[in-house]
Amino acid sequence: MKQIDARGRACPEPVLMAKQGLKASPAGIEVLVDNAVALGNVTRFAQNAGYQVQSTAGEGDTHKLTITK
């Protein structure tokens, strides 16, 4: 599964990165984010696009979002 590292990026960049990742790999991707705004925005975008989202907390503020159909 393709992994996108959006840590340290301000919105809307993580959402745009996720959108491009899903276009290239429509079956699913993993997105790493490190702030609550990006976590919420990427999750909302993916769910609105018809994907399932699973969030796993990592070190510090890092979350791994697993986005699948």
N, C-alpha and C. Protein backbone atom coordinates (compact mmCIF):
# COMPACT_ATOMS: atom_id res chain seq x y z
N MET A 1 0.85 -1.18 0.00
CA MET A 1 0.00 0.00 0.00
C MET A 1 0.89 1.23 0.00
N LYS A 2 0.56 2.18 -0.84
CA LYS A 2 1.34 3.42 -0.96
C LYS A 2 1.19 4.25 0.31
N GLN A 3 2.31 4.80 0.79
CA GLN A 3 2.28 5.64 1.99
C GLN A 3 2.66 7.07 1.62
N ILE A 4 1.88 8.00 2.14
CA ILE A 4 2.12 9.43 1.90
C ILE A 4 2.46 10.08 3.23
N ASP A 5 3.58 10.77 3.27
CA ASP A 5 4.01 11.44 4.49
C ASP A 5 3.64 12.92 4.41
N ALA A 6 2.56 13.28 5.10
CA ALA A 6 2.09 14.67 5.10
C ALA A 6 2.40 15.36 6.43
N ARG A 7 3.31 14.78 7.20
CA ARG A 7 3.69 15.39 8.48
C ARG A 7 4.38 16.73 8.21
N GLY A 8 4.05 17.70 9.04
CA GLY A 8 4.66 19.02 8.91
C GLY A 8 4.02 19.88 7.83
N ARG A 9 2.99 19.40 7.20
CA ARG A 9 2.31 20.15 6.13
C ARG A 9 1.04 20.79 6.68
N ALA A 10 0.77 22.01 6.25
CA ALA A 10 -0.44 22.72 6.66
C ALA A 10 -1.55 22.46 5.66
N CYS A 11 -2.77 22.41 6.15
CA CYS A 11 -3.91 22.22 5.26
C CYS A 11 -4.02 23.41 4.33
N PRO A 12 -4.42 23.18 3.10
CA PRO A 12 -5.06 21.97 2.57
C PRO A 12 -4.08 20.98 1.95
N GLU A 13 -2.79 21.17 2.11
CA GLU A 13 -1.81 20.31 1.44
C GLU A 13 -1.98 18.81 1.75
N PRO A 14 -2.19 18.39 3.02
CA PRO A 14 -2.38 16.95 3.25
C PRO A 14 -3.59 16.37 2.50
N VAL A 15 -4.66 17.15 2.39
CA VAL A 15 -5.84 16.68 1.65
C VAL A 15 -5.51 16.55 0.17
N LEU A 16 -4.80 17.52 -0.38
CA LEU A 16 -4.43 17.45 -1.80
C LEU A 16 -3.49 16.28 -2.06
N MET A 17 -2.58 16.02 -1.11
CA MET A 17 -1.66 14.89 -1.26
C MET A 17 -2.44 13.57 -1.22
N ALA A 18 -3.42 13.48 -0.33
CA ALA A 18 -4.25 12.27 -0.23
C ALA A 18 -5.06 12.08 -1.51
N LYS A 19 -5.60 13.17 -2.02
CA LYS A 19 -6.39 13.10 -3.25
C LYS A 19 -5.54 12.59 -4.42
N GLN A 20 -4.32 13.11 -4.55
CA GLN A 20 -3.42 12.65 -5.61
C GLN A 20 -3.03 11.19 -5.39
N GLY A 21 -2.80 10.80 -4.15
CA GLY A 21 -2.44 9.42 -3.84
C GLY A 21 -3.55 8.45 -4.19
N LEU A 22 -4.79 8.83 -3.92
CA LEU A 22 -5.92 7.96 -4.24
C LEU A 22 -6.17 7.90 -5.74
N LYS A 23 -5.84 8.95 -6.43
CA LYS A 23 -5.97 8.94 -7.89
C LYS A 23 -4.98 7.94 -8.49
N ALA A 24 -3.76 7.89 -7.92
CA ALA A 24 -2.73 6.98 -8.42
C ALA A 24 -2.93 5.56 -7.91
N SER A 25 -3.52 5.42 -6.74
CA SER A 25 -3.72 4.10 -6.12
C SER A 25 -5.14 4.02 -5.55
N PRO A 26 -6.16 3.86 -6.42
CA PRO A 26 -7.55 3.95 -5.98
C PRO A 26 -7.99 2.86 -4.99
N ALA A 27 -7.25 1.78 -4.87
CA ALA A 27 -7.61 0.72 -3.92
C ALA A 27 -7.38 1.17 -2.47
N GLY A 28 -6.43 2.07 -2.26
CA GLY A 28 -6.18 2.56 -0.91
C GLY A 28 -4.77 3.07 -0.72
N ILE A 29 -4.61 3.88 0.33
CA ILE A 29 -3.31 4.47 0.68
C ILE A 29 -3.22 4.59 2.20
N GLU A 30 -2.02 4.90 2.67
CA GLU A 30 -1.79 5.28 4.06
C GLU A 30 -1.28 6.71 4.05
N VAL A 31 -1.78 7.52 4.97
CA VAL A 31 -1.35 8.92 5.06
C VAL A 31 -0.89 9.18 6.49
N LEU A 32 0.31 9.72 6.64
CA LEU A 32 0.83 10.11 7.94
C LEU A 32 0.58 11.60 8.13
N VAL A 33 -0.05 11.97 9.26
CA VAL A 33 -0.30 13.38 9.59
C VAL A 33 0.15 13.62 11.02
N ASP A 34 0.40 14.89 11.36
CA ASP A 34 0.87 15.18 12.71
C ASP A 34 0.14 16.34 13.37
N ASN A 35 -1.07 16.64 12.89
CA ASN A 35 -1.86 17.66 13.57
C ASN A 35 -3.34 17.35 13.43
N ALA A 36 -4.12 17.83 14.39
CA ALA A 36 -5.55 17.49 14.46
C ALA A 36 -6.33 18.01 13.26
N VAL A 37 -5.97 19.17 12.75
CA VAL A 37 -6.69 19.74 11.60
C VAL A 37 -6.52 18.85 10.38
N ALA A 38 -5.29 18.44 10.09
CA ALA A 38 -5.04 17.55 8.94
C ALA A 38 -5.74 16.21 9.15
N LEU A 39 -5.70 15.69 10.37
CA LEU A 39 -6.36 14.42 10.67
C LEU A 39 -7.85 14.51 10.34
N GLY A 40 -8.50 15.55 10.81
CA GLY A 40 -9.93 15.73 10.55
C GLY A 40 -10.24 15.97 9.09
N ASN A 41 -9.46 16.82 8.45
CA ASN A 41 -9.73 17.16 7.05
C ASN A 41 -9.50 15.99 6.10
N VAL A 42 -8.42 15.25 6.28
CA VAL A 42 -8.15 14.10 5.41
C VAL A 42 -9.20 13.01 5.64
N THR A 43 -9.57 12.80 6.91
CA THR A 43 -10.61 11.81 7.22
C THR A 43 -11.93 12.18 6.55
N ARG A 44 -12.34 13.43 6.68
CA ARG A 44 -13.59 13.91 6.08
C ARG A 44 -13.56 13.78 4.56
N PHE A 45 -12.45 14.19 3.95
CA PHE A 45 -12.32 14.09 2.50
C PHE A 45 -12.49 12.64 2.04
N ALA A 46 -11.77 11.72 2.69
CA ALA A 46 -11.81 10.31 2.28
C ALA A 46 -13.20 9.72 2.46
N GLN A 47 -13.85 10.01 3.58
CA GLN A 47 -15.19 9.48 3.81
C GLN A 47 -16.19 10.04 2.80
N ASN A 48 -16.07 11.31 2.48
CA ASN A 48 -16.97 11.92 1.49
C ASN A 48 -16.73 11.35 0.10
N ALA A 49 -15.53 10.83 -0.15
CA ALA A 49 -15.20 10.22 -1.45
C ALA A 49 -15.56 8.73 -1.48
N GLY A 50 -16.17 8.23 -0.39
CA GLY A 50 -16.62 6.85 -0.36
C GLY A 50 -15.62 5.84 0.18
N TYR A 51 -14.60 6.30 0.88
CA TYR A 51 -13.58 5.42 1.43
C TYR A 51 -13.82 5.17 2.92
N GLN A 52 -13.29 4.05 3.41
CA GLN A 52 -13.25 3.76 4.84
C GLN A 52 -11.93 4.29 5.38
N VAL A 53 -11.95 4.84 6.58
CA VAL A 53 -10.74 5.40 7.18
C VAL A 53 -10.52 4.79 8.56
N GLN A 54 -9.30 4.29 8.76
CA GLN A 54 -8.91 3.78 10.07
C GLN A 54 -7.72 4.60 10.54
N SER A 55 -7.82 5.16 11.74
CA SER A 55 -6.75 5.99 12.29
C SER A 55 -6.02 5.22 13.39
N THR A 56 -4.68 5.25 13.31
CA THR A 56 -3.85 4.62 14.32
C THR A 56 -2.89 5.66 14.85
N ALA A 57 -2.88 5.85 16.18
CA ALA A 57 -1.97 6.82 16.79
C ALA A 57 -0.56 6.27 16.80
N GLY A 58 0.40 7.15 16.49
CA GLY A 58 1.81 6.78 16.52
C GLY A 58 2.54 7.56 17.58
N GLU A 59 3.82 7.80 17.35
CA GLU A 59 4.64 8.57 18.29
C GLU A 59 4.22 10.03 18.30
N GLY A 60 4.17 10.63 19.47
CA GLY A 60 3.83 12.04 19.57
C GLY A 60 2.45 12.32 19.00
N ASP A 61 2.37 13.30 18.10
CA ASP A 61 1.10 13.68 17.49
C ASP A 61 0.83 12.95 16.19
N THR A 62 1.71 12.05 15.79
CA THR A 62 1.58 11.38 14.50
C THR A 62 0.42 10.38 14.50
N HIS A 63 -0.35 10.42 13.43
CA HIS A 63 -1.43 9.46 13.21
C HIS A 63 -1.24 8.87 11.81
N LYS A 64 -1.52 7.57 11.70
CA LYS A 64 -1.49 6.92 10.40
C LYS A 64 -2.93 6.65 10.00
N LEU A 65 -3.33 7.22 8.88
CA LEU A 65 -4.67 7.00 8.35
C LEU A 65 -4.59 5.94 7.26
N THR A 66 -5.29 4.84 7.43
CA THR A 66 -5.36 3.81 6.41
C THR A 66 -6.69 4.01 5.70
N ILE A 67 -6.60 4.37 4.40
CA ILE A 67 -7.78 4.72 3.62
C ILE A 67 -7.98 3.62 2.58
N THR A 68 -9.15 2.95 2.65
CA THR A 68 -9.44 1.85 1.72
C THR A 68 -10.87 1.95 1.21
N LYS A 69 -11.13 1.28 0.09
CA LYS A 69 -12.47 1.24 -0.48
C LYS A 69 -13.36 0.35 0.33
